[in-house]
Amino acid sequence: MPELVQLFVRLESATTGERFAPAGLREAIVADAVRDGSNLNDTAIAVLADALEFAWEPRHRKSTPLPDDDVLALRMPPEGRDLLDARAAQDGVNRQDAAIGIWAARYGLPFTPCRKRHGPRRDPVAT
């Protein structure tokens, strides 16, 4: 089985309560997962895979998604993360807003990015 990387997408600020994602986004993803007999991770990553054109094989792990969490903790192929980063750079937003934008478009929800890209990440090992 190919290696997967973690992707955490915060839908709401833990400190200020500011919404980063449109209302109803998580619920729309959960509804698709339930309808398809899938799970939140497989459904959310499948939408990204379709939009960014990378290969994704659902893992079919059975879990009950909670509709009220403010963070999506996802696992995806490294290629998908790299393509998401490229989309974020192209759009001038960060990785999270790029993902939220793709999901919002899929579900017909209005979305205006609120977090701008702050340039490339620094290598923590480099001095």
C-alpha atoms as a PDB file:
ATOM      1  CA  MET A   1       0.000   0.000   0.000  1.00  0.00           C
ATOM      2  CA  PRO A   2       1.478   3.404  -0.964  1.00  0.00           C
ATOM      3  CA  GLU A   3       2.610   5.812   1.717  1.00  0.00           C
ATOM      4  CA  LEU A   4       0.122   8.515   2.682  1.00  0.00           C
ATOM      5  CA  VAL A   5       0.753  11.935   4.208  1.00  0.00           C
ATOM      6  CA  GLN A   6      -1.418  13.723   6.733  1.00  0.00           C
ATOM      7  CA  LEU A   7      -3.321  16.847   5.837  1.00  0.00           C
ATOM      8  CA  PHE A   8      -5.037  18.852   8.560  1.00  0.00           C
ATOM      9  CA  VAL A   9      -7.606  21.379   7.360  1.00  0.00           C
ATOM     10  CA  ARG A  10      -8.970  23.745   9.985  1.00  0.00           C
ATOM     11  CA  LEU A  11     -12.532  24.819   9.216  1.00  0.00           C
ATOM     12  CA  GLU A  12     -12.824  27.215  12.144  1.00  0.00           C
ATOM     13  CA  SER A  13     -10.326  29.042  14.371  1.00  0.00           C
ATOM     14  CA  ALA A  14      -9.846  27.333  17.710  1.00  0.00           C
ATOM     15  CA  THR A  15      -9.131  30.666  19.393  1.00  0.00           C
ATOM     16  CA  THR A  16     -11.378  33.254  17.740  1.00  0.00           C
ATOM     17  CA  GLY A  17     -14.171  31.117  16.314  1.00  0.00           C
ATOM     18  CA  GLU A  18     -13.611  32.692  12.872  1.00  0.00           C
ATOM     19  CA  ARG A  19     -14.978  30.437  10.111  1.00  0.00           C
ATOM     20  CA  PHE A  20     -12.437  29.529   7.445  1.00  0.00           C
ATOM     21  CA  ALA A  21     -14.866  27.341   5.481  1.00  0.00           C
ATOM     22  CA  PRO A  22     -18.396  28.030   4.301  1.00  0.00           C
ATOM     23  CA  ALA A  23     -21.210  26.896   6.583  1.00  0.00           C
ATOM     24  CA  GLY A  24     -22.362  23.414   5.675  1.00  0.00           C
ATOM     25  CA  LEU A  25     -19.143  22.268   4.003  1.00  0.00           C
ATOM     26  CA  ARG A  26     -18.291  19.488   6.442  1.00  0.00           C
ATOM     27  CA  GLU A  27     -21.921  18.405   6.541  1.00  0.00           C
ATOM     28  CA  ALA A  28     -21.987  18.165   2.716  1.00  0.00           C
ATOM     29  CA  ILE A  29     -18.866  15.966   2.677  1.00  0.00           C
ATOM     30  CA  VAL A  30     -20.290  13.801   5.482  1.00  0.00           C
ATOM     31  CA  ALA A  31     -23.618  13.448   3.639  1.00  0.00           C
ATOM     32  CA  ASP A  32     -21.785  12.237   0.511  1.00  0.00           C
ATOM     33  CA  ALA A  33     -19.763   9.785   2.587  1.00  0.00           C
ATOM     34  CA  VAL A  34     -22.897   8.383   4.237  1.00  0.00           C
ATOM     35  CA  ARG A  35     -24.772   8.209   0.910  1.00  0.00           C
ATOM     36  CA  ASP A  36     -21.880   6.328  -0.714  1.00  0.00           C
ATOM     37  CA  GLY A  37     -21.260   4.047   2.271  1.00  0.00           C
ATOM     38  CA  SER A  38     -17.788   5.541   2.498  1.00  0.00           C
ATOM     39  CA  ASN A  39     -15.924   7.602   5.079  1.00  0.00           C
ATOM     40  CA  LEU A  40     -15.051  11.280   5.341  1.00  0.00           C
ATOM     41  CA  ASN A  41     -11.392  10.819   4.379  1.00  0.00           C
ATOM     42  CA  ASP A  42     -12.112   8.818   1.222  1.00  0.00           C
ATOM     43  CA  THR A  43     -14.845  11.228   0.145  1.00  0.00           C
ATOM     44  CA  ALA A  44     -12.875  14.435   0.796  1.00  0.00           C
ATOM     45  CA  ILE A  45      -9.730  13.116  -0.896  1.00  0.00           C
ATOM     46  CA  ALA A  46     -11.737  11.780  -3.860  1.00  0.00           C
ATOM     47  CA  VAL A  47     -13.050  15.316  -4.496  1.00  0.00           C
ATOM     48  CA  LEU A  48      -9.488  16.689  -4.373  1.00  0.00           C
ATOM     49  CA  ALA A  49      -8.227  13.864  -6.616  1.00  0.00           C
ATOM     50  CA  ASP A  50     -10.908  14.613  -9.186  1.00  0.00           C
ATOM     51  CA  ALA A  51     -10.173  18.362  -9.193  1.00  0.00           C
ATOM     52  CA  LEU A  52      -6.369  18.035  -9.162  1.00  0.00           C
ATOM     53  CA  GLU A  53      -6.204  14.917 -11.350  1.00  0.00           C
ATOM     54  CA  PHE A  54      -4.221  12.517  -9.207  1.00  0.00           C
ATOM     55  CA  ALA A  55      -4.789   8.823  -8.598  1.00  0.00           C
ATOM     56  CA  TRP A  56      -6.667   7.909  -5.427  1.00  0.00           C
ATOM     57  CA  GLU A  57      -7.800   4.501  -4.256  1.00  0.00           C
ATOM     58  CA  PRO A  58     -10.237   4.693  -1.351  1.00  0.00           C
ATOM     59  CA  ARG A  59      -9.105   2.853   1.773  1.00  0.00           C
ATOM     60  CA  HIS A  60     -12.665   1.877   2.774  1.00  0.00           C
ATOM     61  CA  ARG A  61     -11.946   2.237   6.481  1.00  0.00           C
ATOM     62  CA  LYS A  62     -15.236   2.184   8.317  1.00  0.00           C
ATOM     63  CA  SER A  63     -15.727   5.106  10.647  1.00  0.00           C
ATOM     64  CA  THR A  64     -18.565   7.374  11.602  1.00  0.00           C
ATOM     65  CA  PRO A  65     -17.723  10.968  10.699  1.00  0.00           C
ATOM     66  CA  LEU A  66     -18.655  13.562  13.282  1.00  0.00           C
ATOM     67  CA  PRO A  67     -20.363  16.490  11.559  1.00  0.00           C
ATOM     68  CA  ASP A  68     -19.363  19.148  14.087  1.00  0.00           C
ATOM     69  CA  ASP A  69     -15.560  18.899  14.321  1.00  0.00           C
ATOM     70  CA  ASP A  70     -13.682  22.025  13.247  1.00  0.00           C
ATOM     71  CA  VAL A  71     -10.698  20.154  11.766  1.00  0.00           C
ATOM     72  CA  LEU A  72     -10.533  17.611   8.963  1.00  0.00           C
ATOM     73  CA  ALA A  73      -7.670  15.191   9.635  1.00  0.00           C
ATOM     74  CA  LEU A  74      -7.057  13.501   6.301  1.00  0.00           C
ATOM     75  CA  ARG A  75      -4.547  11.102   4.757  1.00  0.00           C
ATOM     76  CA  MET A  76      -3.650  11.459   1.098  1.00  0.00           C
ATOM     77  CA  PRO A  77      -0.921  10.485  -1.384  1.00  0.00           C
ATOM     78  CA  PRO A  78       2.142  12.780  -1.407  1.00  0.00           C
ATOM     79  CA  GLU A  79       1.438  13.551  -5.080  1.00  0.00           C
ATOM     80  CA  GLY A  80      -1.956  14.942  -4.105  1.00  0.00           C
ATOM     81  CA  ARG A  81      -0.418  17.178  -1.450  1.00  0.00           C
ATOM     82  CA  ASP A  82       2.141  18.445  -3.960  1.00  0.00           C
ATOM     83  CA  LEU A  83      -0.578  19.231  -6.503  1.00  0.00           C
ATOM     84  CA  LEU A  84      -2.628  20.955  -3.803  1.00  0.00           C
ATOM     85  CA  ASP A  85       0.429  23.063  -2.906  1.00  0.00           C
ATOM     86  CA  ALA A  86       0.863  23.970  -6.584  1.00  0.00           C
ATOM     87  CA  ARG A  87      -2.802  25.027  -6.793  1.00  0.00           C
ATOM     88  CA  ALA A  88      -2.386  27.088  -3.613  1.00  0.00           C
ATOM     89  CA  ALA A  89       0.667  28.858  -5.050  1.00  0.00           C
ATOM     90  CA  GLN A  90      -1.154  29.495  -8.324  1.00  0.00           C
ATOM     91  CA  ASP A  91      -4.148  30.959  -6.469  1.00  0.00           C
ATOM     92  CA  GLY A  92      -2.029  32.911  -3.966  1.00  0.00           C
ATOM     93  CA  VAL A  93      -3.558  31.173  -0.942  1.00  0.00           C
ATOM     94  CA  ASN A  94      -2.385  28.606   1.557  1.00  0.00           C
ATOM     95  CA  ARG A  95      -2.894  24.847   1.267  1.00  0.00           C
ATOM     96  CA  GLN A  96      -5.948  24.817   3.528  1.00  0.00           C
ATOM     97  CA  ASP A  97      -7.782  27.501   1.576  1.00  0.00           C
ATOM     98  CA  ALA A  98      -6.940  25.732  -1.689  1.00  0.00           C
ATOM     99  CA  ALA A  99      -8.544  22.524  -0.369  1.00  0.00           C
ATOM    100  CA  ILE A 100     -11.558  24.352   1.056  1.00  0.00           C
ATOM    101  CA  GLY A 101     -12.004  26.183  -2.253  1.00  0.00           C
ATOM    102  CA  ILE A 102     -12.074  22.905  -4.182  1.00  0.00           C
ATOM    103  CA  TRP A 103     -14.610  21.356  -1.805  1.00  0.00           C
ATOM    104  CA  ALA A 104     -16.770  24.512  -1.773  1.00  0.00           C
ATOM    105  CA  ALA A 105     -16.860  24.532  -5.587  1.00  0.00           C
ATOM    106  CA  ARG A 106     -17.842  20.844  -5.649  1.00  0.00           C
ATOM    107  CA  TYR A 107     -20.754  21.432  -3.270  1.00  0.00           C
ATOM    108  CA  GLY A 108     -21.826  24.782  -4.714  1.00  0.00           C
ATOM    109  CA  LEU A 109     -20.994  26.727  -1.564  1.00  0.00           C
ATOM    110  CA  PRO A 110     -19.756  30.336  -1.646  1.00  0.00           C
ATOM    111  CA  PHE A 111     -16.146  30.724  -0.542  1.00  0.00           C
ATOM    112  CA  THR A 112     -13.731  33.616  -0.254  1.00  0.00           C
ATOM    113  CA  PRO A 113     -10.217  32.684   0.888  1.00  0.00           C
ATOM    114  CA  CYS A 114      -9.281  34.438   4.096  1.00  0.00           C
ATOM    115  CA  ARG A 115      -5.697  33.270   4.564  1.00  0.00           C
ATOM    116  CA  LYS A 116      -3.019  34.416   2.162  1.00  0.00           C
ATOM    117  CA  ARG A 117       0.093  32.495   1.286  1.00  0.00           C
ATOM    118  CA  HIS A 118       3.099  33.699   3.249  1.00  0.00           C
ATOM    119  CA  GLY A 119       5.760  32.439   0.868  1.00  0.00           C
ATOM    120  CA  PRO A 120       7.554  29.101   0.813  1.00  0.00           C
ATOM    121  CA  ARG A 121       8.031  27.198   4.030  1.00  0.00           C
ATOM    122  CA  ARG A 122      11.495  27.409   5.490  1.00  0.00           C
ATOM    123  CA  ASP A 123      13.445  24.248   6.005  1.00  0.00           C
ATOM    124  CA  PRO A 124      13.646  23.867   9.811  1.00  0.00           C
ATOM    125  CA  VAL A 125      17.061  22.189   9.476  1.00  0.00           C
ATOM    126  CA  ALA A 126      18.602  24.957   7.370  1.00  0.00           C
ATOM    127  CA  THR A 127      20.244  27.858   9.154  1.00  0.00           C
END
